[in-house]
Amino acid sequence: MTPFRALEQSAVPLYSQLRERLRERIADGSYQQGARLPAESEISAIFGVSRITVRQALNDLQKEGVIVKAPGKGSFVARRTPRQDLSRLEGFGEAMSRQGHRILNRVLSQLEVGASPAVAARLDLAPGAPVTEVRRVRTLDREPVSFEVSYLPAAVGRRLRDENLLERDIFLILEDDYGIALGHADIQIGALGADPAMAAALGVAPGAALLRIERLTWTADGKPLDFEYLYVRGDAFQYGLRLPRHPSPSQGT
């Protein structure tokens, strides 16, 4: 744990200085996510400021969502919502495992079905052509965060029947085990209310707002391979995307 830095005599109000000192200790891990902060009286004694000053600093951090207050229990470091960068093509488990989270998948069904017109159009198949449909609930640190329906051409999907979809991403299986290089994905994002089946699977109320993502993943040689509907709990998980002001030289103007 890093040592406390004393507050300074300056034009910056003491509560603002204290707020930033506490923020620094949260950012550097001195106070972990979910950890209880020292009581107001302890903070007051450590920094030599009044309880009112401490309360002002904590109120600011609470408004920013940095901490949460539990009546009768004190102030706690807020848990950050897990986040995946959409500007990088990678599987959910691949991205979250790299950040130290535990991922498990509950496979609800793995069937060969006739492609609907929408699925057939995405995968460049004739309507009714056989495709493999995989329905999964993805859990993050034991909490359900997304309901996913994936469609793959039958020739590829049949090979997935013997794979460990409980713990592995389909992307990694395709690349590492089957030697299929992935190129890029097209994504569309919307929203909808959870139907009863999704609500039960994700532990939310029917009608709760979910992110709805359509993702079509292409091979490196330009063939559509994996079309998915992702229904994501926005309260438990976030997607992020960095948008440059100007394209890079390789992207043209």
Protein backbone atom coordinates (compact mmCIF):
# COMPACT_ATOMS: atom_id res chain seq x y z
CA MET A 1 0.00 0.00 0.00
CA THR A 2 1.42 3.36 -0.99
CA PRO A 3 1.95 5.95 1.79
CA PHE A 4 -0.49 8.80 2.23
CA ARG A 5 0.57 12.14 0.76
CA ALA A 6 -0.16 15.08 3.00
CA LEU A 7 -2.59 17.77 1.92
CA GLU A 8 -1.10 21.12 0.97
CA GLN A 9 -1.84 24.71 1.85
CA SER A 10 -2.99 26.05 -1.50
CA ALA A 11 -5.89 27.63 -3.34
CA VAL A 12 -7.30 24.15 -4.01
CA PRO A 13 -9.97 23.38 -1.39
CA LEU A 14 -9.03 20.70 1.12
CA TYR A 15 -11.96 18.48 0.17
CA SER A 16 -10.82 18.54 -3.49
CA GLN A 17 -7.27 17.60 -2.49
CA LEU A 18 -8.58 14.80 -0.28
CA ARG A 19 -10.86 13.53 -3.02
CA GLU A 20 -7.88 13.25 -5.38
CA ARG A 21 -5.71 11.53 -2.75
CA LEU A 22 -8.40 8.90 -2.24
CA ARG A 23 -8.87 8.56 -6.00
CA GLU A 24 -5.11 7.93 -6.38
CA ARG A 25 -5.21 5.11 -3.85
CA ILE A 26 -8.15 3.50 -5.59
CA ALA A 27 -6.45 3.81 -8.99
CA ASP A 28 -3.15 2.30 -7.81
CA GLY A 29 -4.88 -0.64 -6.13
CA SER A 30 -4.24 0.38 -2.54
CA TYR A 31 -8.01 0.14 -2.15
CA GLN A 32 -9.27 -2.79 -4.23
CA GLN A 33 -12.65 -3.05 -5.93
CA GLY A 34 -15.29 -3.83 -3.30
CA ALA A 35 -12.96 -2.87 -0.43
CA ARG A 36 -14.28 -0.82 2.46
CA LEU A 37 -12.66 2.59 2.84
CA PRO A 38 -11.52 3.76 6.29
CA ALA A 39 -14.28 5.33 8.36
CA GLU A 40 -14.79 9.09 8.10
CA SER A 41 -13.20 9.53 11.53
CA GLU A 42 -10.10 7.58 10.42
CA ILE A 43 -9.70 9.59 7.23
CA SER A 44 -10.17 12.78 9.23
CA ALA A 45 -7.40 11.79 11.64
CA ILE A 46 -5.01 10.62 8.89
CA PHE A 47 -5.22 13.86 6.92
CA GLY A 48 -5.90 16.28 9.76
CA VAL A 49 -9.13 17.61 8.28
CA SER A 50 -12.67 17.95 9.57
CA ARG A 51 -15.36 15.30 9.15
CA ILE A 52 -17.26 17.78 6.97
CA THR A 53 -14.28 17.95 4.59
CA VAL A 54 -14.11 14.14 4.48
CA ARG A 55 -17.83 13.92 3.79
CA GLN A 56 -17.57 16.42 0.91
CA ALA A 57 -14.74 14.43 -0.68
CA LEU A 58 -16.62 11.14 -0.34
CA ASN A 59 -19.82 12.66 -1.70
CA ASP A 60 -17.95 13.78 -4.83
CA LEU A 61 -16.50 10.29 -5.35
CA GLN A 62 -19.95 8.78 -4.86
CA LYS A 63 -21.50 11.09 -7.47
CA GLU A 64 -18.79 10.03 -9.92
CA GLY A 65 -19.52 6.36 -9.27
CA VAL A 66 -16.03 5.75 -7.87
CA ILE A 67 -17.40 4.62 -4.50
CA VAL A 68 -20.74 3.44 -3.16
CA LYS A 69 -22.14 4.04 0.30
CA ALA A 70 -23.99 1.43 2.33
CA PRO A 71 -26.04 2.89 5.20
CA GLY A 72 -24.62 1.75 8.52
CA LYS A 73 -21.67 -0.01 6.86
CA GLY A 74 -19.53 2.73 5.33
CA SER A 75 -18.09 3.55 1.90
CA PHE A 76 -16.82 0.94 -0.53
CA VAL A 77 -14.83 1.09 -3.76
CA ALA A 78 -17.28 0.54 -6.62
CA ARG A 79 -16.82 -2.55 -8.74
CA ARG A 80 -15.99 -1.62 -12.33
CA THR A 81 -18.26 -3.07 -14.98
CA PRO A 82 -16.27 -5.48 -17.19
CA ARG A 83 -15.67 -4.10 -20.67
CA GLN A 84 -14.74 -5.51 -24.07
CA ASP A 85 -13.21 -3.47 -26.87
CA LEU A 86 -15.28 -3.86 -30.05
CA SER A 87 -12.51 -2.44 -32.22
CA ARG A 88 -10.62 -5.72 -31.79
CA LEU A 89 -11.94 -9.02 -33.14
CA GLU A 90 -11.71 -11.56 -30.34
CA GLY A 91 -13.93 -13.92 -28.43
CA PHE A 92 -15.66 -12.96 -25.21
CA GLY A 93 -13.76 -15.52 -23.15
CA GLU A 94 -10.47 -14.55 -24.78
CA ALA A 95 -10.96 -10.88 -23.91
CA MET A 96 -12.22 -11.41 -20.36
CA SER A 97 -9.66 -14.06 -19.41
CA ARG A 98 -6.91 -11.62 -20.33
CA GLN A 99 -8.41 -9.21 -17.79
CA GLY A 100 -8.39 -11.85 -15.06
CA HIS A 101 -12.06 -12.88 -15.15
CA ARG A 102 -13.36 -16.45 -15.02
CA ILE A 103 -15.57 -17.40 -17.96
CA LEU A 104 -17.89 -20.38 -18.27
CA ASN A 105 -20.47 -21.11 -20.94
CA ARG A 106 -23.72 -22.95 -20.38
CA VAL A 107 -24.62 -24.68 -23.66
CA LEU A 108 -28.40 -24.74 -23.94
CA SER A 109 -28.57 -26.49 -27.32
CA GLN A 110 -26.38 -27.47 -30.26
CA LEU A 111 -28.53 -28.45 -33.23
CA GLU A 112 -28.46 -28.70 -36.99
CA VAL A 113 -31.32 -26.65 -38.40
CA GLY A 114 -32.45 -25.20 -41.69
CA ALA A 115 -31.14 -21.68 -42.22
CA SER A 116 -33.77 -18.96 -41.94
CA PRO A 117 -33.78 -16.40 -44.76
CA ALA A 118 -31.92 -13.90 -42.53
CA VAL A 119 -29.24 -16.41 -41.49
CA ALA A 120 -28.90 -17.76 -45.03
CA ALA A 121 -28.36 -14.27 -46.42
CA ARG A 122 -25.61 -13.55 -43.89
CA LEU A 123 -23.78 -16.83 -44.49
CA ASP A 124 -24.27 -16.74 -48.29
CA LEU A 125 -26.32 -19.94 -48.29
CA ALA A 126 -29.64 -20.97 -49.78
CA PRO A 127 -32.61 -20.59 -47.42
CA GLY A 128 -33.18 -23.88 -45.63
CA ALA A 129 -29.58 -25.03 -46.09
CA PRO A 130 -28.28 -26.93 -43.05
CA VAL A 131 -26.48 -24.83 -40.45
CA THR A 132 -25.37 -25.50 -36.89
CA GLU A 133 -27.14 -23.44 -34.26
CA VAL A 134 -25.44 -23.09 -30.86
CA ARG A 135 -27.30 -21.43 -28.00
CA ARG A 136 -25.22 -20.46 -24.96
CA VAL A 137 -25.41 -18.41 -21.80
CA ARG A 138 -22.05 -16.78 -21.08
CA THR A 139 -21.15 -16.27 -17.43
CA LEU A 140 -18.56 -13.83 -16.11
CA ASP A 141 -17.25 -14.58 -12.61
CA ARG A 142 -20.31 -16.85 -12.19
CA GLU A 143 -22.79 -14.14 -13.18
CA PRO A 144 -24.76 -14.55 -16.43
CA VAL A 145 -24.07 -11.64 -18.77
CA SER A 146 -25.13 -12.67 -22.27
CA PHE A 147 -27.43 -15.00 -24.18
CA GLU A 148 -25.89 -15.93 -27.53
CA VAL A 149 -27.17 -17.71 -30.61
CA SER A 150 -24.49 -18.64 -33.16
CA TYR A 151 -24.92 -20.02 -36.67
CA LEU A 152 -22.17 -21.71 -38.65
CA PRO A 153 -22.15 -23.68 -41.93
CA ALA A 154 -22.92 -27.32 -41.15
CA ALA A 155 -19.52 -28.60 -42.30
CA VAL A 156 -17.83 -26.50 -39.62
CA GLY A 157 -20.57 -26.75 -37.02
CA ARG A 158 -20.59 -30.54 -37.02
CA ARG A 159 -16.96 -30.52 -35.92
CA LEU A 160 -17.89 -28.44 -32.88
CA ARG A 161 -20.05 -31.21 -31.42
CA ASP A 162 -17.07 -32.84 -29.74
CA GLU A 163 -15.45 -29.60 -28.56
CA ASN A 164 -15.34 -28.16 -25.04
CA LEU A 165 -17.71 -25.24 -25.53
CA LEU A 166 -18.15 -24.99 -21.78
CA GLU A 167 -14.77 -23.32 -21.37
CA ARG A 168 -13.52 -22.40 -24.83
CA ASP A 169 -14.42 -19.66 -27.32
CA ILE A 170 -15.57 -20.78 -30.75
CA PHE A 171 -13.15 -18.25 -32.26
CA LEU A 172 -10.16 -19.94 -30.65
CA ILE A 173 -11.32 -23.39 -31.71
CA LEU A 174 -11.74 -22.23 -35.29
CA GLU A 175 -8.29 -20.66 -35.42
CA ASP A 176 -6.16 -22.83 -33.15
CA ASP A 177 -7.70 -26.24 -33.79
CA TYR A 178 -9.11 -25.97 -37.30
CA GLY A 179 -6.56 -23.58 -38.77
CA ILE A 180 -9.22 -21.18 -40.07
CA ALA A 181 -7.83 -17.64 -40.05
CA LEU A 182 -10.40 -15.01 -39.09
CA GLY A 183 -10.37 -11.69 -40.88
CA HIS A 184 -12.93 -9.18 -39.64
CA ALA A 185 -16.48 -8.86 -38.33
CA ASP A 186 -19.44 -6.69 -39.22
CA ILE A 187 -21.46 -5.56 -36.20
CA GLN A 188 -24.85 -3.98 -35.75
CA ILE A 189 -26.03 -2.83 -32.32
CA GLY A 190 -29.55 -2.24 -31.09
CA ALA A 191 -31.68 -2.93 -28.03
CA LEU A 192 -34.73 -4.93 -27.05
CA GLY A 193 -36.62 -6.16 -24.01
CA ALA A 194 -35.79 -9.61 -22.66
CA ASP A 195 -38.36 -12.26 -23.51
CA PRO A 196 -39.24 -14.75 -20.74
CA ALA A 197 -36.65 -17.34 -21.84
CA MET A 198 -33.82 -14.80 -22.04
CA ALA A 199 -34.89 -13.21 -18.77
CA ALA A 200 -34.78 -16.55 -16.97
CA ALA A 201 -31.39 -17.43 -18.45
CA LEU A 202 -29.85 -14.06 -17.55
CA GLY A 203 -31.50 -13.58 -14.17
CA VAL A 204 -33.33 -10.38 -15.12
CA ALA A 205 -36.98 -9.39 -15.17
CA PRO A 206 -38.98 -10.06 -18.37
CA GLY A 207 -38.87 -6.93 -20.50
CA ALA A 208 -35.54 -5.76 -19.02
CA ALA A 209 -33.47 -3.85 -21.55
CA LEU A 210 -30.75 -5.85 -23.29
CA LEU A 211 -28.16 -4.86 -25.87
CA ARG A 212 -28.83 -6.72 -29.11
CA ILE A 213 -25.76 -7.27 -31.26
CA GLU A 214 -25.63 -8.92 -34.66
CA ARG A 215 -22.11 -10.03 -35.54
CA LEU A 216 -21.02 -11.60 -38.81
CA THR A 217 -17.45 -12.88 -38.73
CA TRP A 218 -15.53 -13.43 -41.96
CA THR A 219 -12.50 -15.57 -42.69
CA ALA A 220 -9.27 -13.92 -43.74
CA ASP A 221 -9.98 -14.92 -47.34
CA GLY A 222 -13.36 -13.18 -47.34
CA LYS A 223 -15.92 -15.93 -46.63
CA PRO A 224 -18.75 -15.48 -44.09
CA LEU A 225 -18.26 -18.05 -41.33
CA ASP A 226 -20.06 -17.27 -38.08
CA PHE A 227 -23.27 -15.26 -37.68
CA GLU A 228 -24.40 -14.48 -34.13
CA TYR A 229 -27.13 -12.78 -32.18
CA LEU A 230 -25.78 -11.55 -28.85
CA TYR A 231 -28.17 -10.39 -26.14
CA VAL A 232 -26.19 -8.65 -23.41
CA ARG A 233 -27.02 -7.34 -19.93
CA GLY A 234 -26.00 -3.70 -19.97
CA ASP A 235 -26.00 -3.54 -16.17
CA ALA A 236 -23.34 -6.27 -15.89
CA PHE A 237 -21.19 -5.76 -18.96
CA GLN A 238 -20.14 -3.00 -21.36
CA TYR A 239 -18.68 -2.76 -24.84
CA GLY A 240 -16.29 0.01 -25.77
CA LEU A 241 -15.04 1.40 -29.06
CA ARG A 242 -12.36 4.00 -29.80
CA LEU A 243 -13.17 6.16 -32.81
CA PRO A 244 -10.29 8.10 -34.40
CA ARG A 245 -11.00 11.61 -35.64
CA HIS A 246 -9.11 10.91 -38.86
CA PRO A 247 -8.47 7.61 -40.64
CA SER A 248 -4.98 6.17 -40.61
CA PRO A 249 -2.99 6.51 -43.86
CA SER A 250 -3.58 2.83 -44.63
CA GLN A 251 -7.35 3.41 -44.52
CA GLY A 252 -7.32 6.18 -47.07
CA THR A 253 -9.16 9.48 -46.75
